[in-house]
Amino acid sequence: MKRFDDDRTREIYETRFALGVPEHVSVAAHETMHPLVAACSLQDVGILGPIIRLLNTPDRYGLLVNGKWHVTFAWSDDFGAYAIKLERR
């Protein structure tokens, strides 16, 4: 399984910044993604805030970062969060 869905999200996870993403959004996403990657259950993810079920893709979840920006992800009990992506919805 691929942990991050795209290079921009991986770059934010590793460095806190990425081109094309406002700095305050990338910093907030970085601070959300680290505990998300470390979480062992969806209950652990719940400490980051309400978990949103995405209507158009029922196998994906989301966490609000800032305004319309969300960190979305899929979940596996064996692997944890994967296909993590910063999206503007």
C-alpha atoms as a PDB file:
ATOM      1  CA  MET A   1       0.000   0.000   0.000  1.00  0.00           C
ATOM      2  CA  LYS A   2       1.109   3.484  -0.783  1.00  0.00           C
ATOM      3  CA  ARG A   3       1.143   5.787   2.271  1.00  0.00           C
ATOM      4  CA  PHE A   4       0.736   9.054   0.316  1.00  0.00           C
ATOM      5  CA  ASP A   5      -1.466   9.564  -2.732  1.00  0.00           C
ATOM      6  CA  ASP A   6       0.745  12.219  -4.337  1.00  0.00           C
ATOM      7  CA  ASP A   7       4.177  13.826  -4.102  1.00  0.00           C
ATOM      8  CA  ARG A   8       2.831  17.166  -2.843  1.00  0.00           C
ATOM      9  CA  THR A   9       1.277  15.532   0.216  1.00  0.00           C
ATOM     10  CA  ARG A  10       4.439  13.524   0.903  1.00  0.00           C
ATOM     11  CA  GLU A  11       6.504  16.703   0.624  1.00  0.00           C
ATOM     12  CA  ILE A  12       4.276  18.486   3.160  1.00  0.00           C
ATOM     13  CA  TYR A  13       4.562  15.505   5.513  1.00  0.00           C
ATOM     14  CA  GLU A  14       8.358  15.533   5.264  1.00  0.00           C
ATOM     15  CA  THR A  15       9.133  19.270   5.097  1.00  0.00           C
ATOM     16  CA  ARG A  16       5.967  21.194   6.168  1.00  0.00           C
ATOM     17  CA  PHE A  17       5.848  23.072   2.859  1.00  0.00           C
ATOM     18  CA  ALA A  18       4.957  22.579  -0.820  1.00  0.00           C
ATOM     19  CA  LEU A  19       4.631  24.849  -3.819  1.00  0.00           C
ATOM     20  CA  GLY A  20       1.107  25.975  -4.536  1.00  0.00           C
ATOM     21  CA  VAL A  21      -0.180  25.454  -0.994  1.00  0.00           C
ATOM     22  CA  PRO A  22      -0.582  28.433   1.348  1.00  0.00           C
ATOM     23  CA  GLU A  23       1.942  28.258   4.180  1.00  0.00           C
ATOM     24  CA  HIS A  24      -0.654  28.244   6.978  1.00  0.00           C
ATOM     25  CA  VAL A  25      -2.456  25.333   5.269  1.00  0.00           C
ATOM     26  CA  SER A  26       0.697  23.282   4.727  1.00  0.00           C
ATOM     27  CA  VAL A  27       1.818  23.756   8.349  1.00  0.00           C
ATOM     28  CA  ALA A  28      -1.624  22.706   9.646  1.00  0.00           C
ATOM     29  CA  ALA A  29      -1.692  19.704   7.272  1.00  0.00           C
ATOM     30  CA  HIS A  30       1.795  18.674   8.423  1.00  0.00           C
ATOM     31  CA  GLU A  31       0.635  18.793  12.054  1.00  0.00           C
ATOM     32  CA  THR A  32      -2.416  16.674  11.172  1.00  0.00           C
ATOM     33  CA  MET A  33      -0.597  14.063   9.086  1.00  0.00           C
ATOM     34  CA  HIS A  34       2.033  13.028  11.638  1.00  0.00           C
ATOM     35  CA  PRO A  35      -0.441  11.743  14.273  1.00  0.00           C
ATOM     36  CA  LEU A  36      -2.582  10.299  11.450  1.00  0.00           C
ATOM     37  CA  VAL A  37       0.325   8.158  10.242  1.00  0.00           C
ATOM     38  CA  ALA A  38       1.061   7.059  13.826  1.00  0.00           C
ATOM     39  CA  ALA A  39      -2.574   6.157  14.632  1.00  0.00           C
ATOM     40  CA  CYS A  40      -3.339   2.495  15.319  1.00  0.00           C
ATOM     41  CA  SER A  41      -7.121   2.754  14.971  1.00  0.00           C
ATOM     42  CA  LEU A  42      -9.780   5.114  13.665  1.00  0.00           C
ATOM     43  CA  GLN A  43     -10.544   5.862  17.303  1.00  0.00           C
ATOM     44  CA  ASP A  44      -6.988   7.231  17.606  1.00  0.00           C
ATOM     45  CA  VAL A  45      -7.603   9.398  14.531  1.00  0.00           C
ATOM     46  CA  GLY A  46     -10.669  10.837  16.266  1.00  0.00           C
ATOM     47  CA  ILE A  47      -8.449  12.823  18.649  1.00  0.00           C
ATOM     48  CA  LEU A  48      -7.504  15.028  15.686  1.00  0.00           C
ATOM     49  CA  GLY A  49     -11.115  16.151  15.247  1.00  0.00           C
ATOM     50  CA  PRO A  50     -14.283  14.878  13.651  1.00  0.00           C
ATOM     51  CA  ILE A  51     -13.688  12.235  10.988  1.00  0.00           C
ATOM     52  CA  ILE A  52     -15.656  13.011   7.841  1.00  0.00           C
ATOM     53  CA  ARG A  53     -16.981  10.254   5.563  1.00  0.00           C
ATOM     54  CA  LEU A  54     -16.683  11.429   1.970  1.00  0.00           C
ATOM     55  CA  LEU A  55     -19.996  11.028   0.170  1.00  0.00           C
ATOM     56  CA  ASN A  56     -18.675  10.438  -3.340  1.00  0.00           C
ATOM     57  CA  THR A  57     -16.091   7.855  -2.178  1.00  0.00           C
ATOM     58  CA  PRO A  58     -17.428   5.876   0.790  1.00  0.00           C
ATOM     59  CA  ASP A  59     -14.116   4.081   1.443  1.00  0.00           C
ATOM     60  CA  ARG A  60     -12.325   7.407   2.163  1.00  0.00           C
ATOM     61  CA  TYR A  61     -12.301   9.601   5.229  1.00  0.00           C
ATOM     62  CA  GLY A  62     -11.280  13.203   5.804  1.00  0.00           C
ATOM     63  CA  LEU A  63     -10.012  15.554   8.496  1.00  0.00           C
ATOM     64  CA  LEU A  64     -10.560  19.304   8.298  1.00  0.00           C
ATOM     65  CA  VAL A  65      -7.304  21.261   8.081  1.00  0.00           C
ATOM     66  CA  ASN A  66      -8.358  24.825   7.307  1.00  0.00           C
ATOM     67  CA  GLY A  67     -11.442  26.192   5.555  1.00  0.00           C
ATOM     68  CA  LYS A  68     -11.982  24.033   2.474  1.00  0.00           C
ATOM     69  CA  TRP A  69      -8.686  22.132   2.886  1.00  0.00           C
ATOM     70  CA  HIS A  70      -8.889  18.534   4.130  1.00  0.00           C
ATOM     71  CA  VAL A  71      -6.483  15.666   4.615  1.00  0.00           C
ATOM     72  CA  THR A  72      -8.256  12.666   3.090  1.00  0.00           C
ATOM     73  CA  PHE A  73      -7.253   9.038   3.516  1.00  0.00           C
ATOM     74  CA  ALA A  74      -8.313   5.417   3.294  1.00  0.00           C
ATOM     75  CA  TRP A  75      -8.025   3.133   6.318  1.00  0.00           C
ATOM     76  CA  SER A  76      -6.895  -0.446   6.765  1.00  0.00           C
ATOM     77  CA  ASP A  77      -6.851  -2.139  10.182  1.00  0.00           C
ATOM     78  CA  ASP A  78      -3.576  -3.851   9.217  1.00  0.00           C
ATOM     79  CA  PHE A  79      -1.736  -0.807   7.802  1.00  0.00           C
ATOM     80  CA  GLY A  80      -3.494   2.265   9.174  1.00  0.00           C
ATOM     81  CA  ALA A  81      -3.962   5.388   7.064  1.00  0.00           C
ATOM     82  CA  TYR A  82      -2.900   5.133   3.444  1.00  0.00           C
ATOM     83  CA  ALA A  83      -3.483   7.015   0.181  1.00  0.00           C
ATOM     84  CA  ILE A  84      -3.248  10.203   2.264  1.00  0.00           C
ATOM     85  CA  LYS A  85      -3.864  13.372   0.259  1.00  0.00           C
ATOM     86  CA  LEU A  86      -4.246  17.086   0.975  1.00  0.00           C
ATOM     87  CA  GLU A  87      -7.286  18.268  -0.968  1.00  0.00           C
ATOM     88  CA  ARG A  88      -9.294  21.409  -1.369  1.00  0.00           C
ATOM     89  CA  ARG A  89     -12.961  20.376  -1.321  1.00  0.00           C
END
